Amino acid sequence: MRELHLVNASELAAAYAAAQYAVVLDGDALALHVGQRAVDLEAYWPQRRYAFITAWNPASVPHSDAANETANAVLVARLTAMGLARHPAHAYAKYGDWREAGWLVGDIDEALVDLLGREFSQAGILAWTFGEPVRLRMLMPRPPQATGLDCIDWVG
């Protein structure tokens, strides 16, 4: 596992919070937005807890598609071994200049989500409880300059 070295964690968190997220269920892409409830998703696939996790671009450093696909295969093997229900998902920048494949996992414990995020050197993951807004979990201590963004949990 790599240690994350970020110049400005607060800016990174703001970018993650502003990103677009979607999960694919039976061919339909359902949008997820940090800070908003996932009403359509929860009606379609009710679970106690949800998490979006990716293995792409560890430590928030761009990697080749081949390296990202290899990391994704390892993540899939871990999720399968744990018996966790999942659906394909992705994250992307509003203007289409960045995209990452990932998985929406159901009924996963928050501590396990954090463990997997750290195992795959992710700076942040999404996690929330049914009926509550989608939250961003930054897997690092809260920086002193972090303000606003009530939908972000800093888990150092």
Protein backbone atom coordinates (compact mmCIF):
# COMPACT_ATOMS: atom_id res chain seq x y z
CA MET A 1 0.00 0.00 0.00
CA ARG A 2 1.31 3.45 -0.92
CA GLU A 3 1.22 6.41 1.38
CA LEU A 4 -0.62 9.39 -0.06
CA HIS A 5 1.39 12.59 -0.49
CA LEU A 6 -0.93 15.37 -1.58
CA VAL A 7 -0.17 19.02 -2.10
CA ASN A 8 -3.66 20.22 -1.20
CA ALA A 9 -6.02 17.64 0.29
CA SER A 10 -8.76 20.23 0.64
CA GLU A 11 -8.77 20.94 -3.12
CA LEU A 12 -8.69 17.22 -3.88
CA ALA A 13 -11.70 16.64 -1.62
CA ALA A 14 -13.58 19.49 -3.32
CA ALA A 15 -12.85 17.94 -6.73
CA TYR A 16 -14.05 14.52 -5.57
CA ALA A 17 -17.20 16.06 -4.09
CA ALA A 18 -17.93 17.87 -7.37
CA ALA A 19 -17.32 14.80 -9.54
CA GLN A 20 -20.15 12.89 -11.16
CA TYR A 21 -20.81 9.29 -10.10
CA ALA A 22 -23.11 6.69 -11.61
CA VAL A 23 -23.97 3.04 -11.03
CA VAL A 24 -25.21 0.72 -13.76
CA LEU A 25 -28.22 -1.43 -12.81
CA ASP A 26 -29.88 -3.56 -15.50
CA GLY A 27 -28.49 -1.30 -18.21
CA ASP A 28 -29.64 1.95 -16.59
CA ALA A 29 -27.08 4.46 -15.29
CA LEU A 30 -28.29 5.98 -12.03
CA ALA A 31 -26.54 9.17 -10.94
CA LEU A 32 -25.01 9.66 -7.50
CA HIS A 33 -24.12 13.08 -6.13
CA VAL A 34 -22.13 13.78 -2.98
CA GLY A 35 -24.35 15.54 -0.46
CA GLN A 36 -27.62 14.33 -2.04
CA ARG A 37 -29.80 11.30 -1.40
CA ALA A 38 -29.64 8.45 -3.94
CA VAL A 39 -33.42 7.99 -4.07
CA ASP A 40 -33.60 6.20 -7.44
CA LEU A 41 -30.75 3.84 -6.61
CA GLU A 42 -32.12 3.01 -3.16
CA ALA A 43 -35.59 2.31 -4.60
CA TYR A 44 -34.09 0.04 -7.24
CA TRP A 45 -31.49 -1.73 -5.06
CA PRO A 46 -32.31 -1.36 -1.35
CA GLN A 47 -29.34 -2.08 0.94
CA ARG A 48 -28.50 -1.04 4.51
CA ARG A 49 -25.25 0.66 3.45
CA TYR A 50 -23.60 1.57 0.18
CA ALA A 51 -20.06 2.36 -0.93
CA PHE A 52 -18.43 3.36 -4.19
CA ILE A 53 -14.85 2.17 -4.45
CA THR A 54 -12.32 2.04 -7.25
CA ALA A 55 -8.82 0.67 -7.61
CA TRP A 56 -7.95 3.10 -10.41
CA ASN A 57 -5.20 5.70 -10.09
CA PRO A 58 -3.84 4.81 -6.64
CA ALA A 59 -2.63 7.76 -4.55
CA SER A 60 -4.51 10.05 -6.98
CA VAL A 61 -1.72 9.59 -9.53
CA PRO A 62 -2.78 8.78 -13.11
CA HIS A 63 -1.88 5.24 -14.21
CA SER A 64 -2.16 3.51 -17.56
CA ASP A 65 -5.40 1.76 -18.49
CA ALA A 66 -3.56 -1.57 -18.27
CA ALA A 67 -2.34 -0.86 -14.73
CA ASN A 68 -5.80 0.34 -13.71
CA GLU A 69 -7.48 -2.77 -15.16
CA THR A 70 -5.01 -5.00 -13.31
CA ALA A 71 -5.74 -3.20 -10.04
CA ASN A 72 -9.47 -3.46 -10.75
CA ALA A 73 -9.17 -7.24 -11.23
CA VAL A 74 -7.52 -7.52 -7.81
CA LEU A 75 -10.32 -5.44 -6.25
CA VAL A 76 -12.96 -7.63 -7.92
CA ALA A 77 -11.26 -10.74 -6.55
CA ARG A 78 -11.28 -9.22 -3.03
CA LEU A 79 -14.96 -8.25 -3.25
CA THR A 80 -15.87 -11.70 -4.58
CA ALA A 81 -13.90 -13.45 -1.83
CA MET A 82 -15.78 -11.36 0.75
CA GLY A 83 -19.12 -12.28 -0.81
CA LEU A 84 -20.10 -8.64 -1.30
CA ALA A 85 -22.90 -7.73 -3.72
CA ARG A 86 -21.77 -5.15 -6.26
CA HIS A 87 -22.69 -3.36 -9.47
CA PRO A 88 -20.42 -1.61 -11.99
CA ALA A 89 -20.07 2.10 -11.38
CA HIS A 90 -17.89 4.96 -12.49
CA ALA A 91 -16.77 8.43 -11.53
CA TYR A 92 -16.06 11.20 -13.97
CA ALA A 93 -15.28 14.88 -14.09
CA LYS A 94 -18.08 17.23 -15.04
CA TYR A 95 -16.35 18.21 -18.29
CA GLY A 96 -15.34 14.66 -19.30
CA ASP A 97 -11.58 15.06 -18.90
CA TRP A 98 -11.31 12.31 -16.28
CA ARG A 99 -13.07 8.96 -15.73
CA GLU A 100 -12.54 5.99 -13.41
CA ALA A 101 -14.29 2.65 -13.30
CA GLY A 102 -15.31 1.27 -9.93
CA TRP A 103 -17.95 -0.66 -8.03
CA LEU A 104 -20.99 0.18 -5.97
CA VAL A 105 -21.01 -2.29 -3.09
CA GLY A 106 -24.05 -3.03 -0.93
CA ASP A 107 -24.32 -3.86 2.77
CA ILE A 108 -20.68 -3.15 3.51
CA ASP A 109 -19.45 -2.06 6.92
CA GLU A 110 -17.86 1.40 7.07
CA ALA A 111 -14.65 0.04 8.61
CA LEU A 112 -14.32 -2.48 5.76
CA VAL A 113 -14.86 0.26 3.18
CA ASP A 114 -12.04 2.27 4.75
CA LEU A 115 -9.81 -0.81 4.87
CA LEU A 116 -10.38 -1.54 1.17
CA GLY A 117 -9.86 2.10 0.25
CA ARG A 118 -6.52 2.10 2.03
CA GLU A 119 -5.56 -1.31 0.62
CA PHE A 120 -6.02 0.09 -2.89
CA SER A 121 -4.34 3.44 -1.98
CA GLN A 122 -7.43 5.55 -2.59
CA ALA A 123 -7.60 9.11 -1.27
CA GLY A 124 -11.39 8.97 -0.97
CA ILE A 125 -14.44 6.75 -1.33
CA LEU A 126 -18.18 7.30 -1.17
CA ALA A 127 -20.16 5.68 1.64
CA TRP A 128 -23.63 6.23 3.04
CA THR A 129 -26.55 4.63 4.84
CA PHE A 130 -29.92 4.00 3.17
CA GLY A 131 -32.08 7.12 3.30
CA GLU A 132 -29.19 9.49 4.01
CA PRO A 133 -27.18 11.70 1.64
CA VAL A 134 -24.15 10.27 -0.16
CA ARG A 135 -20.98 11.13 1.76
CA LEU A 136 -17.38 11.43 0.69
CA ARG A 137 -14.90 9.74 3.03
CA MET A 138 -11.40 11.17 2.63
CA LEU A 139 -8.93 8.61 3.95
CA MET A 140 -6.58 11.15 5.50
CA PRO A 141 -6.59 13.66 8.35
CA ARG A 142 -8.66 16.80 7.89
CA PRO A 143 -6.36 19.62 6.77
CA PRO A 144 -6.58 22.89 8.71
CA GLN A 145 -7.76 24.80 5.63
CA ALA A 146 -10.70 22.44 4.94
CA THR A 147 -13.91 24.45 5.22
CA GLY A 148 -17.48 24.20 3.96
CA LEU A 149 -18.24 20.79 2.50
CA ASP A 150 -20.39 19.28 5.26
CA CYS A 151 -20.77 16.07 3.25
CA ILE A 152 -17.11 15.08 3.71
CA ASP A 153 -15.81 12.85 6.48
CA TRP A 154 -12.05 13.02 7.10
CA VAL A 155 -10.86 9.61 8.30
CA GLY A 156 -7.17 9.98 9.11
